[in-house]
Amino acid sequence: MRTLRTDTVSPLVEQDVLLMAGRADHYVPLSQLGDQIATLTRARSITARVFTEAEHAQNHVQVGNLGLALHVIVEWLARVGR
Protein backbone atom coordinates (compact mmCIF):
# COMPACT_ATOMS: atom_id res chain seq x y z
CA MET A 1 0.00 0.00 0.00
CA ARG A 2 2.94 2.34 0.55
CA THR A 3 3.50 2.42 -3.19
CA LEU A 4 0.07 3.89 -3.93
CA ARG A 5 0.36 7.57 -4.74
CA THR A 6 -1.94 10.38 -5.86
CA ASP A 7 0.64 13.07 -6.55
CA THR A 8 0.49 12.48 -10.32
CA VAL A 9 -3.29 12.81 -10.58
CA SER A 10 -4.11 15.25 -7.77
CA PRO A 11 -2.95 18.31 -9.75
CA LEU A 12 -5.53 17.37 -12.41
CA VAL A 13 -8.47 17.62 -10.00
CA GLU A 14 -10.48 20.78 -10.67
CA GLN A 15 -13.68 20.19 -8.71
CA ASP A 16 -14.55 20.73 -5.06
CA VAL A 17 -12.86 18.22 -2.75
CA LEU A 18 -13.79 16.92 0.69
CA LEU A 19 -10.99 15.21 2.60
CA MET A 20 -11.82 13.34 5.78
CA ALA A 21 -9.26 11.98 8.22
CA GLY A 22 -9.27 10.26 11.58
CA ARG A 23 -6.93 11.61 14.23
CA ALA A 24 -6.02 8.05 15.30
CA ASP A 25 -6.39 6.27 11.95
CA HIS A 26 -4.53 2.97 12.18
CA TYR A 27 -4.05 2.79 8.42
CA VAL A 28 -3.53 6.29 7.01
CA PRO A 29 -1.25 8.64 8.98
CA LEU A 30 -2.77 12.04 9.72
CA SER A 31 0.27 13.68 8.11
CA GLN A 32 -1.02 12.50 4.73
CA LEU A 33 -3.90 14.95 5.01
CA GLY A 34 -1.58 17.94 4.64
CA ASP A 35 0.39 16.17 1.94
CA GLN A 36 -2.80 15.52 -0.03
CA ILE A 37 -3.98 19.11 0.33
CA ALA A 38 -0.65 20.34 -1.00
CA THR A 39 -1.00 18.27 -4.18
CA LEU A 40 -4.53 19.48 -4.99
CA THR A 41 -3.20 22.63 -6.62
CA ARG A 42 -6.08 23.13 -9.08
CA ALA A 43 -9.07 22.11 -6.95
CA ARG A 44 -11.95 24.58 -6.97
CA SER A 45 -12.17 24.27 -3.19
CA ILE A 46 -10.78 21.97 -0.52
CA THR A 47 -12.56 21.17 2.71
CA ALA A 48 -10.65 19.07 5.22
CA ARG A 49 -12.24 17.52 8.31
CA VAL A 50 -10.34 15.72 11.06
CA PHE A 51 -12.47 13.47 13.24
CA THR A 52 -11.49 13.03 16.87
CA GLU A 53 -11.69 10.63 19.77
CA ALA A 54 -14.27 12.87 21.47
CA GLU A 55 -16.54 12.26 18.45
CA HIS A 56 -15.80 8.51 18.46
CA ALA A 57 -14.80 8.88 14.80
CA GLN A 58 -11.00 8.94 15.05
CA ASN A 59 -10.48 5.59 13.31
CA HIS A 60 -10.11 4.66 9.66
CA VAL A 61 -13.16 5.73 7.62
CA GLN A 62 -14.63 7.09 10.85
CA VAL A 63 -15.63 3.64 12.12
CA GLY A 64 -17.27 4.28 15.45
CA ASN A 65 -19.42 7.16 14.25
CA LEU A 66 -20.41 6.58 10.65
CA GLY A 67 -23.50 8.72 11.24
CA LEU A 68 -21.31 11.75 11.88
CA ALA A 69 -19.23 11.03 8.79
CA LEU A 70 -22.36 10.79 6.65
CA HIS A 71 -23.70 14.01 8.17
CA VAL A 72 -20.47 15.83 7.27
CA ILE A 73 -20.64 14.48 3.70
CA VAL A 74 -24.28 15.49 3.22
CA GLU A 75 -23.69 18.96 4.67
CA TRP A 76 -20.65 19.44 2.43
CA LEU A 77 -22.60 18.32 -0.65
CA ALA A 78 -25.35 20.83 0.19
CA ARG A 79 -22.75 23.61 0.54
CA VAL A 80 -20.85 22.95 -2.68
CA GLY A 81 -24.00 22.18 -4.64
CA ARG A 82 -25.25 25.72 -4.16
PDB file of N, CA and C in Angstrom:
ATOM      1  N   MET A   1       0.812  -1.196   0.000  1.00  0.00           N
ATOM      2  CA  MET A   1       0.000   0.000   0.000  1.00  0.00           C
ATOM      3  C   MET A   1       0.857   1.262   0.000  1.00  0.00           C
ATOM      4  N   ARG A   2       2.073   1.150   0.512  1.00  0.00           N
ATOM      5  CA  ARG A   2       2.939   2.336   0.554  1.00  0.00           C
ATOM      6  C   ARG A   2       3.308   2.837  -0.835  1.00  0.00           C
ATOM      7  N   THR A   3       3.142   2.007  -1.838  1.00  0.00           N
ATOM      8  CA  THR A   3       3.498   2.419  -3.192  1.00  0.00           C
ATOM      9  C   THR A   3       2.374   3.174  -3.890  1.00  0.00           C
ATOM     10  N   LEU A   4       1.175   3.162  -3.317  1.00  0.00           N
ATOM     11  CA  LEU A   4       0.068   3.892  -3.925  1.00  0.00           C
ATOM     12  C   LEU A   4       0.272   5.385  -3.710  1.00  0.00           C
ATOM     13  N   ARG A   5       0.100   6.132  -4.791  1.00  0.00           N
ATOM     14  CA  ARG A   5       0.355   7.566  -4.736  1.00  0.00           C
ATOM     15  C   ARG A   5      -0.732   8.303  -5.515  1.00  0.00           C
ATOM     16  N   THR A   6      -0.988   9.542  -5.119  1.00  0.00           N
ATOM     17  CA  THR A   6      -1.942  10.376  -5.855  1.00  0.00           C
ATOM     18  C   THR A   6      -1.290  11.638  -6.410  1.00  0.00           C
ATOM     19  N   ASP A   7      -0.003  11.799  -6.165  1.00  0.00           N
ATOM     20  CA  ASP A   7       0.639  13.066  -6.552  1.00  0.00           C
ATOM     21  C   ASP A   7       0.672  13.297  -8.059  1.00  0.00           C
ATOM     22  N   THR A   8       0.501  12.262  -8.869  1.00  0.00           N
ATOM     23  CA  THR A   8       0.492  12.481 -10.315  1.00  0.00           C
ATOM     24  C   THR A   8      -0.889  12.869 -10.835  1.00  0.00           C
ATOM     25  N   VAL A   9      -1.945  12.478 -10.119  1.00  0.00           N
ATOM     26  CA  VAL A   9      -3.293  12.808 -10.581  1.00  0.00           C
ATOM     27  C   VAL A   9      -3.929  13.955  -9.799  1.00  0.00           C
ATOM     28  N   SER A  10      -3.501  14.182  -8.583  1.00  0.00           N
ATOM     29  CA  SER A  10      -4.106  15.246  -7.766  1.00  0.00           C
ATOM     30  C   SER A  10      -4.050  16.619  -8.423  1.00  0.00           C
ATOM     31  N   PRO A  11      -2.963  16.992  -9.101  1.00  0.00           N
ATOM     32  CA  PRO A  11      -2.945  18.310  -9.747  1.00  0.00           C
ATOM     33  C   PRO A  11      -3.949  18.438 -10.891  1.00  0.00           C
ATOM     34  N   LEU A  12      -4.537  17.334 -11.328  1.00  0.00           N
ATOM     35  CA  LEU A  12      -5.525  17.370 -12.406  1.00  0.00           C
ATOM     36  C   LEU A  12      -6.953  17.590 -11.893  1.00  0.00           C
ATOM     37  N   VAL A  13      -7.144  17.478 -10.600  1.00  0.00           N
ATOM     38  CA  VAL A  13      -8.474  17.623 -10.002  1.00  0.00           C
ATOM     39  C   VAL A  13      -8.862  19.098  -9.998  1.00  0.00           C
ATOM     40  N   GLU A  14     -10.023  19.392 -10.573  1.00  0.00           N
ATOM     41  CA  GLU A  14     -10.477  20.777 -10.671  1.00  0.00           C
ATOM     42  C   GLU A  14     -11.807  21.031  -9.971  1.00  0.00           C
ATOM     43  N   GLN A  15     -12.397  20.018  -9.384  1.00  0.00           N
ATOM     44  CA  GLN A  15     -13.676  20.194  -8.708  1.00  0.00           C
ATOM     45  C   GLN A  15     -13.479  20.429  -7.216  1.00  0.00           C
ATOM     46  N   ASP A  16     -14.584  20.601  -6.510  1.00  0.00           N
ATOM     47  CA  ASP A  16     -14.552  20.730  -5.060  1.00  0.00           C
ATOM     48  C   ASP A  16     -14.137  19.387  -4.462  1.00  0.00           C
ATOM     49  N   VAL A  17     -13.387  19.442  -3.372  1.00  0.00           N
ATOM     50  CA  VAL A  17     -12.858  18.224  -2.747  1.00  0.00           C
ATOM     51  C   VAL A  17     -13.153  18.250  -1.250  1.00  0.00           C
ATOM     52  N   LEU A  18     -13.625  17.119  -0.740  1.00  0.00           N
ATOM     53  CA  LEU A  18     -13.789  16.918   0.686  1.00  0.00           C
ATOM     54  C   LEU A  18     -12.815  15.836   1.115  1.00  0.00           C
ATOM     55  N   LEU A  19     -11.929  16.169   2.046  1.00  0.00           N
ATOM     56  CA  LEU A  19     -10.986  15.205   2.600  1.00  0.00           C
ATOM     57  C   LEU A  19     -11.360  14.959   4.052  1.00  0.00           C
ATOM     58  N   MET A  20     -11.460  13.691   4.415  1.00  0.00           N
ATOM     59  CA  MET A  20     -11.816  13.336   5.785  1.00  0.00           C
ATOM     60  C   MET A  20     -10.714  12.450   6.351  1.00  0.00           C
ATOM     61  N   ALA A  21     -10.338  12.731   7.591  1.00  0.00           N
ATOM     62  CA  ALA A  21      -9.257  11.978   8.225  1.00  0.00           C
ATOM     63  C   ALA A  21      -9.604  11.701   9.677  1.00  0.00           C
ATOM     64  N   GLY A  22      -9.112  10.590  10.174  1.00  0.00           N
ATOM     65  CA  GLY A  22      -9.268  10.264  11.581  1.00  0.00           C
ATOM     66  C   GLY A  22      -7.988  10.567  12.329  1.00  0.00           C
ATOM     67  N   ARG A  23      -8.107  11.226  13.452  1.00  0.00           N
ATOM     68  CA  ARG A  23      -6.928  11.609  14.232  1.00  0.00           C
ATOM     69  C   ARG A  23      -6.103  10.395  14.649  1.00  0.00           C
ATOM     70  N   ALA A  24      -6.740   9.258  14.860  1.00  0.00           N
ATOM     71  CA  ALA A  24      -6.024   8.054  15.297  1.00  0.00           C
ATOM     72  C   ALA A  24      -6.195   6.924  14.282  1.00  0.00           C
ATOM     73  N   ASP A  25      -6.239   7.275  13.004  1.00  0.00           N
ATOM     74  CA  ASP A  25      -6.394   6.272  11.951  1.00  0.00           C
ATOM     75  C   ASP A  25      -5.236   5.276  12.033  1.00  0.00           C
ATOM     76  N   HIS A  26      -5.556   4.010  12.073  1.00  0.00           N
ATOM     77  CA  HIS A  26      -4.528   2.970  12.185  1.00  0.00           C
ATOM     78  C   HIS A  26      -3.931   2.611  10.837  1.00  0.00           C
ATOM     79  N   TYR A  27      -4.470   3.164   9.772  1.00  0.00           N
ATOM     80  CA  TYR A  27      -4.048   2.785   8.421  1.00  0.00           C
ATOM     81  C   TYR A  27      -3.425   3.943   7.652  1.00  0.00           C
ATOM     82  N   VAL A  28      -4.018   5.118   7.749  1.00  0.00           N
ATOM     83  CA  VAL A  28      -3.533   6.291   7.014  1.00  0.00           C
ATOM     84  C   VAL A  28      -3.051   7.325   8.026  1.00  0.00           C
ATOM     85  N   PRO A  29      -1.765   7.644   8.023  1.00  0.00           N
ATOM     86  CA  PRO A  29      -1.251   8.637   8.980  1.00  0.00           C
ATOM     87  C   PRO A  29      -1.879  10.014   8.744  1.00  0.00           C
ATOM     88  N   LEU A  30      -2.159  10.716   9.821  1.00  0.00           N
ATOM     89  CA  LEU A  30      -2.772  12.039   9.717  1.00  0.00           C
ATOM     90  C   LEU A  30      -1.913  13.003   8.895  1.00  0.00           C
ATOM     91  N   SER A  31      -0.615  12.799   8.892  1.00  0.00           N
ATOM     92  CA  SER A  31       0.274  13.676   8.113  1.00  0.00           C
ATOM     93  C   SER A  31      -0.048  13.645   6.619  1.00  0.00           C
ATOM     94  N   GLN A  32      -0.679  12.575   6.158  1.00  0.00           N
ATOM     95  CA  GLN A  32      -1.024  12.497   4.733  1.00  0.00           C
ATOM     96  C   GLN A  32      -2.099  13.495   4.344  1.00  0.00           C
ATOM     97  N   LEU A  33      -2.876  13.963   5.316  1.00  0.00           N
ATOM     98  CA  LEU A  33      -3.901  14.953   5.008  1.00  0.00           C
ATOM     99  C   LEU A  33      -3.268  16.224   4.446  1.00  0.00           C
ATOM    100  N   GLY A  34      -2.275  16.742   5.129  1.00  0.00           N
ATOM    101  CA  GLY A  34      -1.581  17.942   4.639  1.00  0.00           C
ATOM    102  C   GLY A  34      -0.870  17.699   3.330  1.00  0.00           C
ATOM    103  N   ASP A  35      -0.283  16.525   3.196  1.00  0.00           N
ATOM    104  CA  ASP A  35       0.393  16.171   1.939  1.00  0.00           C
ATOM    105  C   ASP A  35      -0.600  16.158   0.781  1.00  0.00           C
ATOM    106  N   GLN A  36      -1.780  15.585   1.023  1.00  0.00           N
ATOM    107  CA  GLN A  36      -2.797  15.520  -0.031  1.00  0.00           C
ATOM    108  C   GLN A  36      -3.290  16.909  -0.400  1.00  0.00           C
ATOM    109  N   ILE A  37      -3.534  17.731   0.597  1.00  0.00           N
ATOM    110  CA  ILE A  37      -3.981  19.105   0.333  1.00  0.00           C
ATOM    111  C   ILE A  37      -2.965  19.831  -0.540  1.00  0.00           C
ATOM    112  N   ALA A  38      -1.706  19.650  -0.248  1.00  0.00           N
ATOM    113  CA  ALA A  38      -0.647  20.340  -0.999  1.00  0.00           C
ATOM    114  C   ALA A  38      -0.611  19.932  -2.463  1.00  0.00           C
ATOM    115  N   THR A  39      -1.054  18.724  -2.786  1.00  0.00           N
ATOM    116  CA  THR A  39      -1.001  18.272  -4.178  1.00  0.00           C
ATOM    117  C   THR A  39      -2.237  18.667  -4.977  1.00  0.00           C
ATOM    118  N   LEU A  40      -3.288  19.111  -4.304  1.00  0.00           N
ATOM    119  CA  LEU A  40      -4.527  19.482  -4.989  1.00  0.00           C
ATOM    120  C   LEU A  40      -4.459  20.952  -5.417  1.00  0.00           C
ATOM    121  N   THR A  41      -3.528  21.245  -6.267  1.00  0.00           N
ATOM    122  CA  THR A  41      -3.200  22.630  -6.623  1.00  0.00           C
ATOM    123  C   THR A  41      -4.235  23.303  -7.519  1.00  0.00           C
ATOM    124  N   ARG A  42      -5.100  22.534  -8.173  1.00  0.00           N
ATOM    125  CA  ARG A  42      -6.083  23.126  -9.078  1.00  0.00           C
ATOM    126  C   ARG A  42      -7.522  22.900  -8.623  1.00  0.00           C
ATOM    127  N   ALA A  43      -7.713  22.368  -7.441  1.00  0.00           N
ATOM    128  CA  ALA A  43      -9.068  22.106  -6.949  1.00  0.00           C
ATOM    129  C   ALA A  43      -9.840  23.411  -6.798  1.00  0.00           C
ATOM    130  N   ARG A  44     -11.112  23.387  -7.110  1.00  0.00           N
ATOM    131  CA  ARG A  44     -11.953  24.583  -6.966  1.00  0.00           C
ATOM    132  C   ARG A  44     -12.013  24.992  -5.500  1.00  0.00           C
ATOM    133  N   SER A  45     -12.203  24.024  -4.626  1.00  0.00           N
ATOM    134  CA  SER A  45     -12.172  24.268  -3.187  1.00  0.00           C
ATOM    135  C   SER A  45     -11.753  22.979  -2.500  1.00  0.00           C
ATOM    136  N   ILE A  46     -11.175  23.126  -1.318  1.00  0.00           N
ATOM    137  CA  ILE A  46     -10.777  21.973  -0.520  1.00  0.00           C
ATOM    138  C   ILE A  46     -11.327  22.173   0.884  1.00  0.00           C
ATOM    139  N   THR A  47     -12.077  21.191   1.336  1.00  0.00           N
ATOM    140  CA  THR A  47     -12.556  21.171   2.705  1.00  0.00           C
ATOM    141  C   THR A  47     -11.927  19.954   3.370  1.00  0.00           C
ATOM    142  N   ALA A  48     -11.271  20.170   4.485  1.00  0.00           N
ATOM    143  CA  ALA A  48     -10.654  19.075   5.224  1.00  0.00           C
ATOM    144  C   ALA A  48     -11.310  18.968   6.591  1.00  0.00           C
ATOM    145  N   ARG A  49     -11.589  17.748   7.009  1.00  0.00           N
ATOM    146  CA  ARG A  49     -12.238  17.523   8.305  1.00  0.00           C
ATOM    147  C   ARG A  49     -11.492  16.413   9.026  1.00  0.00           C
ATOM    148  N   VAL A  50     -11.002  16.713  10.217  1.00  0.00           N
ATOM    149  CA  VAL A  50     -10.337  15.718  11.056  1.00  0.00           C
ATOM    150  C   VAL A  50     -11.316  15.304  12.148  1.00  0.00           C
ATOM    151  N   PHE A  51     -11.566  14.019  12.239  1.00  0.00           N
ATOM    152  CA  PHE A  51     -12.473  13.465  13.235  1.00  0.00           C
ATOM    153  C   PHE A  51     -11.670  13.024  14.453  1.00  0.00           C
ATOM    154  N   THR A  52     -12.241  13.217  15.628  1.00  0.00           N
ATOM    155  CA  THR A  52     -11.494  13.035  16.871  1.00  0.00           C
ATOM    156  C   THR A  52     -12.059  11.911  17.742  1.00  0.00           C
ATOM    157  N   GLU A  53     -11.280  11.623  18.782  1.00  0.00           N
ATOM    158  CA  GLU A  53     -11.688  10.631  19.772  1.00  0.00           C
ATOM    159  C   GLU A  53     -12.968  11.069  20.490  1.00  0.00           C
ATOM    160  N   ALA A  54     -13.079  12.350  20.780  1.00  0.00           N
ATOM    161  CA  ALA A  54     -14.269  12.865  21.466  1.00  0.00           C
ATOM    162  C   ALA A  54     -15.539  12.611  20.653  1.00  0.00           C
ATOM    163  N   GLU A  55     -15.393  12.526  19.335  1.00  0.00           N
ATOM    164  CA  GLU A  55     -16.536  12.262  18.450  1.00  0.00           C
ATOM    165  C   GLU A  55     -16.728  10.765  18.191  1.00  0.00           C
ATOM    166  N   HIS A  56     -15.804   9.958  18.704  1.00  0.00           N
ATOM    167  CA  HIS A  56     -15.803   8.507  18.460  1.00  0.00           C
ATOM    168  C   HIS A  56     -15.698   8.204  16.964  1.00  0.00           C
ATOM    169  N   ALA A  57     -14.947   9.024  16.257  1.00  0.00           N
ATOM    170  CA  ALA A  57     -14.803   8.884  14.805  1.00  0.00           C
ATOM    171  C   ALA A  57     -13.347   8.994  14.375  1.00  0.00           C
ATOM    172  N   GLN A  58     -12.432   8.733  15.294  1.00  0.00           N
ATOM    173  CA  GLN A  58     -11.005   8.938  15.055  1.00  0.00           C
ATOM    174  C   GLN A  58     -10.360   7.830  14.225  1.00  0.00           C
ATOM    175  N   ASN A  59     -11.065   6.738  13.997  1.00  0.00           N
ATOM    176  CA  ASN A  59     -10.476   5.590  13.309  1.00  0.00           C
ATOM    177  C   ASN A  59     -10.646   5.680  11.799  1.00  0.00           C
ATOM    178  N   HIS A  60     -10.054   4.720  11.111  1.00  0.00           N
ATOM    179  CA  HIS A  60     -10.112   4.665   9.655  1.00  0.00           C
ATOM    180  C   HIS A  60     -11.560   4.687   9.180  1.00  0.00           C
ATOM    181  N   VAL A  61     -11.833   5.480   8.196  1.00  0.00           N
ATOM    182  CA  VAL A  61     -13.157   5.732   7.622  1.00  0.00           C
ATOM    183  C   VAL A  61     -14.215   6.026   8.681  1.00  0.00           C
ATOM    184  N   GLN A  62     -13.782   6.608   9.775  1.00  0.00           N
ATOM    185  CA  GLN A  62     -14.633   7.086  10.848  1.00  0.00           C
ATOM    186  C   GLN A  62     -15.482   5.981  11.476  1.00  0.00           C
ATOM    187  N   VAL A  63     -14.955   4.746  11.443  1.00  0.00           N
ATOM    188  CA  VAL A  63     -15.633   3.640  12.119  1.00  0.00           C
ATOM    189  C   VAL A  63     -15.789   4.027  13.584  1.00  0.00           C
ATOM    190  N   GLY A  64     -16.960   3.873  14.091  1.00  0.00           N
ATOM    191  CA  GLY A  64     -17.270   4.281  15.452  1.00  0.00           C
ATOM    192  C   GLY A  64     -18.323   5.371  15.458  1.00  0.00           C
ATOM    193  N   ASN A  65     -18.383   6.137  14.365  1.00  0.00           N
ATOM    194  CA  ASN A  65     -19.417   7.158  14.254  1.00  0.00           C
ATOM    195  C   ASN A  65     -19.671   7.446  12.772  1.00  0.00           C
ATOM    196  N   LEU A  66     -20.133   6.423  12.082  1.00  0.00           N
ATOM    197  CA  LEU A  66     -20.412   6.579  10.655  1.00  0.00           C
ATOM    198  C   LEU A  66     -21.524   7.597  10.415  1.00  0.00           C
ATOM    199  N   GLY A  67     -22.435   7.723  11.366  1.00  0.00           N
ATOM    200  CA  GLY A  67     -23.499   8.717  11.235  1.00  0.00           C
ATOM    201  C   GLY A  67     -22.948  10.127  11.130  1.00  0.00           C
ATOM    202  N   LEU A  68     -21.943  10.433  11.942  1.00  0.00           N
ATOM    203  CA  LEU A  68     -21.312  11.755  11.878  1.00  0.00           C
ATOM    204  C   LEU A  68     -20.618  11.947  10.537  1.00  0.00           C
ATOM    205  N   ALA A  69     -19.914  10.935  10.079  1.00  0.00           N
ATOM    206  CA  ALA A  69     -19.227  11.031   8.789  1.00  0.00           C
ATOM    207  C   ALA A  69     -20.236  11.301   7.670  1.00  0.00           C
ATOM    208  N   LEU A  70     -21.337  10.575   7.672  1.00  0.00           N
ATOM    209  CA  LEU A  70     -22.362  10.788   6.647  1.00  0.00           C
ATOM    210  C   LEU A  70     -22.972  12.184   6.757  1.00  0.00           C
ATOM    211  N   HIS A  71     -23.175  12.655   7.968  1.00  0.00           N
ATOM    212  CA  HIS A  71     -23.701  14.009   8.174  1.00  0.00           C
ATOM    213  C   HIS A  71     -22.744  15.052   7.572  1.00  0.00           C
ATOM    214  N   VAL A  72     -21.467  14.901   7.812  1.00  0.00           N
ATOM    215  CA  VAL A  72     -20.468  15.832   7.270  1.00  0.00           C
ATOM    216  C   VAL A  72     -20.493  15.799   5.746  1.00  0.00           C
ATOM    217  N   ILE A  73     -20.600  14.613   5.167  1.00  0.00           N
ATOM    218  CA  ILE A  73     -20.640  14.482   3.702  1.00  0.00           C
ATOM    219  C   ILE A  73     -21.879  15.166   3.128  1.00  0.00           C
ATOM    220  N   VAL A  74     -23.034  14.900   3.716  1.00  0.00           N
ATOM    221  CA  VAL A  74     -24.285  15.488   3.216  1.00  0.00           C
ATOM    222  C   VAL A  74     -24.264  17.009   3.346  1.00  0.00           C
ATOM    223  N   GLU A  75     -23.778  17.515   4.476  1.00  0.00           N
ATOM    224  CA  GLU A  75     -23.686  18.964   4.668  1.00  0.00           C
ATOM    225  C   GLU A  75     -22.727  19.593   3.659  1.00  0.00           C
ATOM    226  N   TRP A  76     -21.620  18.930   3.405  1.00  0.00           N
ATOM    227  CA  TRP A  76     -20.649  19.437   2.428  1.00  0.00           C
ATOM    228  C   TRP A  76     -21.268  19.448   1.030  1.00  0.00           C
ATOM    229  N   LEU A  77     -21.958  18.370   0.667  1.00  0.00           N
ATOM    230  CA  LEU A  77     -22.604  18.320  -0.646  1.00  0.00           C
ATOM    231  C   LEU A  77     -23.623  19.445  -0.809  1.00  0.00           C
ATOM    232  N   ALA A  78     -24.366  19.731   0.249  1.00  0.00           N
ATOM    233  CA  ALA A  78     -25.346  20.826   0.189  1.00  0.00           C
ATOM    234  C   ALA A  78     -24.646  22.170  -0.001  1.00  0.00           C
ATOM    235  N   ARG A  79     -23.491  22.348   0.645  1.00  0.00           N
ATOM    236  CA  ARG A  79     -22.749  23.612   0.538  1.00  0.00           C
ATOM    237  C   ARG A  79     -22.159  23.802  -0.848  1.00  0.00           C
ATOM    238  N   VAL A  80     -21.518  22.776  -1.384  1.00  0.00           N
ATOM    239  CA  VAL A  80     -20.848  22.948  -2.681  1.00  0.00           C
ATOM    240  C   VAL A  80     -21.823  22.845  -3.851  1.00  0.00           C
ATOM    241  N   GLY A  81     -23.016  22.307  -3.585  1.00  0.00           N
ATOM    242  CA  GLY A  81     -24.002  22.181  -4.641  1.00  0.00           C
ATOM    243  C   GLY A  81     -24.828  23.427  -4.865  1.00  0.00           C
ATOM    244  N   ARG A  82     -24.486  24.483  -4.111  1.00  0.00           N
ATOM    245  CA  ARG A  82     -25.247  25.724  -4.164  1.00  0.00           C
ATOM    246  C   ARG A  82     -25.741  26.021  -5.530  1.00  0.00           C
TER     247      ARG A  82
END
